[in-house]
């Protein structure tokens, strides 16, 4: 995610959510993307729509191996 902060002041849209995961047990990250609503603007960030009070992360995982339901 590129920062839209051009005035050196902290802004909510410059924060990002994190997805913590453990690779043991066959979990593998496939992709991660920043989730926003609409089309984010770098020049007018106050008009951006966010899914939260900060940008969110959507991640896809693959699971391999023999896993019993836990």
PDB file of N, CA and C in Angstrom:
ATOM      1  N   UNK A   1       0.843  -1.171   0.000  1.00  0.00           N
ATOM      2  CA  UNK A   1       0.000   0.000   0.000  1.00  0.00           C
ATOM      3  C   UNK A   1       0.886   1.230   0.000  1.00  0.00           C
ATOM      4  N   UNK A   2       0.617   2.126  -0.891  1.00  0.00           N
ATOM      5  CA  UNK A   2       1.367   3.372  -0.945  1.00  0.00           C
ATOM      6  C   UNK A   2       0.763   4.368   0.033  1.00  0.00           C
ATOM      7  N   UNK A   3       1.617   5.064   0.727  1.00  0.00           N
ATOM      8  CA  UNK A   3       1.132   6.067   1.664  1.00  0.00           C
ATOM      9  C   UNK A   3       0.539   7.246   0.906  1.00  0.00           C
ATOM     10  N   UNK A   4      -0.577   7.751   1.419  1.00  0.00           N
ATOM     11  CA  UNK A   4      -1.174   8.967   0.856  1.00  0.00           C
ATOM     12  C   UNK A   4      -0.812  10.172   1.705  1.00  0.00           C
ATOM     13  N   UNK A   5       0.054   9.968   2.666  1.00  0.00           N
ATOM     14  CA  UNK A   5       0.416  11.015   3.611  1.00  0.00           C
ATOM     15  C   UNK A   5       1.496  11.910   3.009  1.00  0.00           C
ATOM     16  N   UNK A   6       1.091  13.112   2.590  1.00  0.00           N
ATOM     17  CA  UNK A   6       2.050  14.052   2.000  1.00  0.00           C
ATOM     18  C   UNK A   6       2.359  15.214   2.936  1.00  0.00           C
ATOM     19  N   UNK A   7       1.671  15.278   4.091  1.00  0.00           N
ATOM     20  CA  UNK A   7       1.873  16.416   4.994  1.00  0.00           C
ATOM     21  C   UNK A   7       2.618  16.037   6.271  1.00  0.00           C
ATOM     22  N   UNK A   8       3.166  14.831   6.343  1.00  0.00           N
ATOM     23  CA  UNK A   8       3.954  14.362   7.488  1.00  0.00           C
ATOM     24  C   UNK A   8       3.145  14.172   8.767  1.00  0.00           C
ATOM     25  N   UNK A   9       1.807  14.350   8.727  1.00  0.00           N
ATOM     26  CA  UNK A   9       0.970  14.119   9.901  1.00  0.00           C
ATOM     27  C   UNK A   9       0.380  12.710   9.809  1.00  0.00           C
ATOM     28  N   UNK A  10       0.304  11.985  10.942  1.00  0.00           N
ATOM     29  CA  UNK A  10      -0.301  10.656  10.911  1.00  0.00           C
ATOM     30  C   UNK A  10      -1.764  10.726  10.476  1.00  0.00           C
ATOM     31  N   UNK A  11      -2.175   9.828   9.607  1.00  0.00           N
ATOM     32  CA  UNK A  11      -3.546   9.771   9.134  1.00  0.00           C
ATOM     33  C   UNK A  11      -4.030   8.330   9.228  1.00  0.00           C
ATOM     34  N   UNK A  12      -5.332   8.121   9.534  1.00  0.00           N
ATOM     35  CA  UNK A  12      -5.849   6.759   9.694  1.00  0.00           C
ATOM     36  C   UNK A  12      -5.620   5.862   8.481  1.00  0.00           C
ATOM     37  N   UNK A  13      -5.709   6.415   7.282  1.00  0.00           N
ATOM     38  CA  UNK A  13      -5.556   5.581   6.095  1.00  0.00           C
ATOM     39  C   UNK A  13      -4.122   5.110   5.880  1.00  0.00           C
ATOM     40  N   UNK A  14      -3.185   5.640   6.641  1.00  0.00           N
ATOM     41  CA  UNK A  14      -1.801   5.183   6.539  1.00  0.00           C
ATOM     42  C   UNK A  14      -1.537   3.977   7.432  1.00  0.00           C
ATOM     43  N   UNK A  15      -2.508   3.623   8.268  1.00  0.00           N
ATOM     44  CA  UNK A  15      -2.382   2.415   9.084  1.00  0.00           C
ATOM     45  C   UNK A  15      -2.920   1.245   8.281  1.00  0.00           C
ATOM     46  N   UNK A  16      -2.515   0.062   8.639  1.00  0.00           N
ATOM     47  CA  UNK A  16      -2.970  -1.118   7.921  1.00  0.00           C
ATOM     48  C   UNK A  16      -3.164  -2.257   8.914  1.00  0.00           C
ATOM     49  N   UNK A  17      -4.181  -3.083   8.678  1.00  0.00           N
ATOM     50  CA  UNK A  17      -4.391  -4.262   9.512  1.00  0.00           C
ATOM     51  C   UNK A  17      -3.379  -5.336   9.152  1.00  0.00           C
ATOM     52  N   UNK A  18      -3.145  -6.228  10.071  1.00  0.00           N
ATOM     53  CA  UNK A  18      -2.191  -7.315   9.845  1.00  0.00           C
ATOM     54  C   UNK A  18      -2.890  -8.657   9.952  1.00  0.00           C
ATOM     55  N   UNK A  19      -2.389  -9.620   9.214  1.00  0.00           N
ATOM     56  CA  UNK A  19      -2.858 -10.995   9.306  1.00  0.00           C
ATOM     57  C   UNK A  19      -1.684 -11.817   9.818  1.00  0.00           C
ATOM     58  N   UNK A  20      -1.796 -12.311  11.043  1.00  0.00           N
ATOM     59  CA  UNK A  20      -0.752 -13.161  11.612  1.00  0.00           C
ATOM     60  C   UNK A  20      -1.130 -14.613  11.356  1.00  0.00           C
ATOM     61  N   UNK A  21      -0.158 -15.422  10.967  1.00  0.00           N
ATOM     62  CA  UNK A  21      -0.416 -16.837  10.724  1.00  0.00           C
ATOM     63  C   UNK A  21       0.847 -17.635  10.973  1.00  0.00           C
ATOM     64  N   UNK A  22       0.672 -18.937  11.106  1.00  0.00           N
ATOM     65  CA  UNK A  22       1.768 -19.849  11.387  1.00  0.00           C
ATOM     66  C   UNK A  22       1.859 -20.854  10.246  1.00  0.00           C
ATOM     67  N   UNK A  23       3.033 -21.045   9.705  1.00  0.00           N
ATOM     68  CA  UNK A  23       3.202 -21.931   8.545  1.00  0.00           C
ATOM     69  C   UNK A  23       3.290 -23.403   8.920  1.00  0.00           C
ATOM     70  N   UNK A  24       3.368 -23.711  10.202  1.00  0.00           N
ATOM     71  CA  UNK A  24       3.387 -25.123  10.574  1.00  0.00           C
ATOM     72  C   UNK A  24       2.014 -25.722  10.299  1.00  0.00           C
ATOM     73  N   UNK A  25       1.987 -26.966   9.893  1.00  0.00           N
ATOM     74  CA  UNK A  25       0.717 -27.615   9.599  1.00  0.00           C
ATOM     75  C   UNK A  25       0.255 -27.416   8.173  1.00  0.00           C
ATOM     76  N   UNK A  26       1.092 -26.894   7.301  1.00  0.00           N
ATOM     77  CA  UNK A  26       0.763 -26.820   5.884  1.00  0.00           C
ATOM     78  C   UNK A  26       0.072 -25.554   5.420  1.00  0.00           C
ATOM     79  N   UNK A  27      -0.001 -24.531   6.241  1.00  0.00           N
ATOM     80  CA  UNK A  27      -0.631 -23.278   5.838  1.00  0.00           C
ATOM     81  C   UNK A  27       0.350 -22.455   5.019  1.00  0.00           C
ATOM     82  N   UNK A  28      -0.110 -21.990   3.844  1.00  0.00           N
ATOM     83  CA  UNK A  28       0.753 -21.207   2.958  1.00  0.00           C
ATOM     84  C   UNK A  28      -0.018 -19.989   2.458  1.00  0.00           C
ATOM     85  N   UNK A  29       0.619 -18.831   2.544  1.00  0.00           N
ATOM     86  CA  UNK A  29       0.011 -17.603   2.053  1.00  0.00           C
ATOM     87  C   UNK A  29      -0.005 -17.612   0.532  1.00  0.00           C
ATOM     88  N   UNK A  30      -1.177 -17.374  -0.059  1.00  0.00           N
ATOM     89  CA  UNK A  30      -1.317 -17.313  -1.515  1.00  0.00           C
ATOM     90  C   UNK A  30      -1.231 -15.866  -1.985  1.00  0.00           C
ATOM     91  N   UNK A  31      -1.971 -14.972  -1.334  1.00  0.00           N
ATOM     92  CA  UNK A  31      -1.936 -13.559  -1.718  1.00  0.00           C
ATOM     93  C   UNK A  31      -2.487 -12.698  -0.588  1.00  0.00           C
ATOM     94  N   UNK A  32      -2.100 -11.439  -0.581  1.00  0.00           N
ATOM     95  CA  UNK A  32      -2.641 -10.448   0.351  1.00  0.00           C
ATOM     96  C   UNK A  32      -2.846  -9.145  -0.399  1.00  0.00           C
ATOM     97  N   UNK A  33      -3.964  -8.503  -0.121  1.00  0.00           N
ATOM     98  CA  UNK A  33      -4.289  -7.242  -0.769  1.00  0.00           C
ATOM     99  C   UNK A  33      -4.892  -6.287   0.245  1.00  0.00           C
ATOM    100  N   UNK A  34      -4.725  -5.003   0.001  1.00  0.00           N
ATOM    101  CA  UNK A  34      -5.361  -3.986   0.816  1.00  0.00           C
ATOM    102  C   UNK A  34      -6.802  -3.832   0.355  1.00  0.00           C
ATOM    103  N   UNK A  35      -7.735  -3.778   1.303  1.00  0.00           N
ATOM    104  CA  UNK A  35      -9.149  -3.661   0.981  1.00  0.00           C
ATOM    105  C   UNK A  35      -9.628  -2.246   1.264  1.00  0.00           C
ATOM    106  N   UNK A  36     -10.144  -1.599   0.239  1.00  0.00           N
ATOM    107  CA  UNK A  36     -10.781  -0.296   0.388  1.00  0.00           C
ATOM    108  C   UNK A  36     -12.098  -0.346  -0.359  1.00  0.00           C
ATOM    109  N   UNK A  37     -12.969   0.599  -0.104  1.00  0.00           N
ATOM    110  CA  UNK A  37     -14.237   0.687  -0.812  1.00  0.00           C
ATOM    111  C   UNK A  37     -14.133   1.798  -1.839  1.00  0.00           C
ATOM    112  N   UNK A  38     -14.616   1.544  -3.034  1.00  0.00           N
ATOM    113  CA  UNK A  38     -14.518   2.551  -4.078  1.00  0.00           C
ATOM    114  C   UNK A  38     -13.111   2.629  -4.630  1.00  0.00           C
ATOM    115  N   UNK A  39     -12.756   3.774  -5.150  1.00  0.00           N
ATOM    116  CA  UNK A  39     -11.436   3.969  -5.741  1.00  0.00           C
ATOM    117  C   UNK A  39     -10.666   4.945  -4.874  1.00  0.00           C
ATOM    118  N   UNK A  40      -9.629   4.479  -4.155  1.00  0.00           N
ATOM    119  CA  UNK A  40      -8.915   5.397  -3.267  1.00  0.00           C
ATOM    120  C   UNK A  40      -8.166   6.487  -4.023  1.00  0.00           C
ATOM    121  N   UNK A  41      -8.187   7.673  -3.463  1.00  0.00           N
ATOM    122  CA  UNK A  41      -7.519   8.822  -4.060  1.00  0.00           C
ATOM    123  C   UNK A  41      -6.309   9.207  -3.227  1.00  0.00           C
ATOM    124  N   UNK A  42      -5.172   9.338  -3.873  1.00  0.00           N
ATOM    125  CA  UNK A  42      -3.966   9.779  -3.173  1.00  0.00           C
ATOM    126  C   UNK A  42      -3.956  11.290  -2.977  1.00  0.00           C
ATOM    127  N   UNK A  43      -4.699  12.023  -3.816  1.00  0.00           N
ATOM    128  CA  UNK A  43      -4.686  13.482  -3.727  1.00  0.00           C
ATOM    129  C   UNK A  43      -5.763  14.028  -2.799  1.00  0.00           C
ATOM    130  N   UNK A  44      -6.840  13.256  -2.573  1.00  0.00           N
ATOM    131  CA  UNK A  44      -7.911  13.680  -1.671  1.00  0.00           C
ATOM    132  C   UNK A  44      -8.295  12.512  -0.764  1.00  0.00           C
ATOM    133  N   UNK A  45      -7.406  12.094   0.139  1.00  0.00           N
ATOM    134  CA  UNK A  45      -7.680  10.915   0.948  1.00  0.00           C
ATOM    135  C   UNK A  45      -8.861  11.069   1.897  1.00  0.00           C
ATOM    136  N   UNK A  46      -9.254  12.298   2.226  1.00  0.00           N
ATOM    137  CA  UNK A  46     -10.391  12.471   3.130  1.00  0.00           C
ATOM    138  C   UNK A  46     -11.688  11.986   2.488  1.00  0.00           C
ATOM    139  N   UNK A  47     -11.732  11.878   1.173  1.00  0.00           N
ATOM    140  CA  UNK A  47     -12.921  11.388   0.483  1.00  0.00           C
ATOM    141  C   UNK A  47     -12.928   9.890   0.262  1.00  0.00           C
ATOM    142  N   UNK A  48     -11.881   9.202   0.677  1.00  0.00           N
ATOM    143  CA  UNK A  48     -11.812   7.755   0.495  1.00  0.00           C
ATOM    144  C   UNK A  48     -12.758   7.038   1.458  1.00  0.00           C
ATOM    145  N   UNK A  49     -13.303   5.924   1.007  1.00  0.00           N
ATOM    146  CA  UNK A  49     -14.128   5.077   1.860  1.00  0.00           C
ATOM    147  C   UNK A  49     -13.298   3.885   2.293  1.00  0.00           C
ATOM    148  N   UNK A  50     -13.270   3.610   3.583  1.00  0.00           N
ATOM    149  CA  UNK A  50     -12.485   2.508   4.120  1.00  0.00           C
ATOM    150  C   UNK A  50     -13.408   1.517   4.797  1.00  0.00           C
ATOM    151  N   UNK A  51     -13.010   0.276   4.772  1.00  0.00           N
ATOM    152  CA  UNK A  51     -13.817  -0.773   5.395  1.00  0.00           C
ATOM    153  C   UNK A  51     -13.758  -0.703   6.919  1.00  0.00           C
ATOM    154  N   UNK A  52     -12.881   0.088   7.455  1.00  0.00           N
ATOM    155  CA  UNK A  52     -12.683   0.212   8.897  1.00  0.00           C
ATOM    156  C   UNK A  52     -12.149   1.614   9.161  1.00  0.00           C
ATOM    157  N   UNK A  53     -11.602   1.839  10.360  1.00  0.00           N
ATOM    158  CA  UNK A  53     -10.983   3.132  10.633  1.00  0.00           C
ATOM    159  C   UNK A  53      -9.580   3.197  10.058  1.00  0.00           C
ATOM    160  N   UNK A  54      -9.184   2.143   9.373  1.00  0.00           N
ATOM    161  CA  UNK A  54      -7.890   2.088   8.689  1.00  0.00           C
ATOM    162  C   UNK A  54      -8.003   1.078   7.557  1.00  0.00           C
ATOM    163  N   UNK A  55      -7.039   1.066   6.686  1.00  0.00           N
ATOM    164  CA  UNK A  55      -7.061   0.117   5.571  1.00  0.00           C
ATOM    165  C   UNK A  55      -7.006  -1.308   6.114  1.00  0.00           C
ATOM    166  N   UNK A  56      -7.695  -2.221   5.457  1.00  0.00           N
ATOM    167  CA  UNK A  56      -7.743  -3.620   5.890  1.00  0.00           C
ATOM    168  C   UNK A  56      -6.925  -4.496   4.945  1.00  0.00           C
ATOM    169  N   UNK A  57      -6.606  -5.681   5.398  1.00  0.00           N
ATOM    170  CA  UNK A  57      -5.880  -6.651   4.591  1.00  0.00           C
ATOM    171  C   UNK A  57      -6.770  -7.868   4.387  1.00  0.00           C
ATOM    172  N   UNK A  58      -6.868  -8.333   3.151  1.00  0.00           N
ATOM    173  CA  UNK A  58      -7.556  -9.578   2.834  1.00  0.00           C
ATOM    174  C   UNK A  58      -6.496 -10.545   2.340  1.00  0.00           C
ATOM    175  N   UNK A  59      -6.408 -11.703   2.978  1.00  0.00           N
ATOM    176  CA  UNK A  59      -5.384 -12.687   2.612  1.00  0.00           C
ATOM    177  C   UNK A  59      -6.036 -14.012   2.254  1.00  0.00           C
ATOM    178  N   UNK A  60      -5.465 -14.688   1.257  1.00  0.00           N
ATOM    179  CA  UNK A  60      -5.907 -16.028   0.865  1.00  0.00           C
ATOM    180  C   UNK A  60      -4.796 -17.001   1.216  1.00  0.00           C
ATOM    181  N   UNK A  61      -5.205 -18.159   1.742  1.00  0.00           N
ATOM    182  CA  UNK A  61      -4.259 -19.187   2.146  1.00  0.00           C
ATOM    183  C   UNK A  61      -4.602 -20.500   1.467  1.00  0.00           C
ATOM    184  N   UNK A  62      -3.600 -21.352   1.327  1.00  0.00           N
ATOM    185  CA  UNK A  62      -3.836 -22.737   0.924  1.00  0.00           C
ATOM    186  C   UNK A  62      -3.394 -23.621   2.082  1.00  0.00           C
ATOM    187  N   UNK A  63      -4.069 -24.753   2.225  1.00  0.00           N
ATOM    188  CA  UNK A  63      -3.744 -25.701   3.280  1.00  0.00           C
ATOM    189  C   UNK A  63      -3.407 -27.024   2.625  1.00  0.00           C
ATOM    190  N   UNK A  64      -2.261 -27.571   2.965  1.00  0.00           N
ATOM    191  CA  UNK A  64      -1.854 -28.853   2.394  1.00  0.00           C
ATOM    192  C   UNK A  64      -1.594 -29.847   3.513  1.00  0.00           C
ATOM    193  N   UNK A  65      -1.590 -31.106   3.156  1.00  0.00           N
ATOM    194  CA  UNK A  65      -1.307 -32.148   4.141  1.00  0.00           C
ATOM    195  C   UNK A  65      -2.571 -32.726   4.730  1.00  0.00           C
ATOM    196  N   UNK A  66      -2.395 -33.653   5.643  1.00  0.00           N
ATOM    197  CA  UNK A  66      -3.503 -34.333   6.292  1.00  0.00           C
ATOM    198  C   UNK A  66      -3.798 -33.635   7.610  1.00  0.00           C
ATOM    199  N   UNK A  67      -4.891 -32.891   7.659  1.00  0.00           N
ATOM    200  CA  UNK A  67      -5.232 -32.125   8.853  1.00  0.00           C
ATOM    201  C   UNK A  67      -6.537 -32.631   9.425  1.00  0.00           C
ATOM    202  N   UNK A  68      -6.541 -32.900  10.697  1.00  0.00           N
ATOM    203  CA  UNK A  68      -7.760 -33.298  11.386  1.00  0.00           C
ATOM    204  C   UNK A  68      -8.388 -32.045  11.962  1.00  0.00           C
ATOM    205  N   UNK A  69      -9.703 -31.979  11.916  1.00  0.00           N
ATOM    206  CA  UNK A  69     -10.407 -30.782  12.368  1.00  0.00           C
ATOM    207  C   UNK A  69     -10.084 -30.390  13.790  1.00  0.00           C
ATOM    208  N   UNK A  70      -9.576 -29.202  13.961  1.00  0.00           N
ATOM    209  CA  UNK A  70      -9.306 -28.622  15.281  1.00  0.00           C
ATOM    210  C   UNK A  70      -9.964 -27.277  15.325  1.00  0.00           C
TER     211      UNK A  70
END
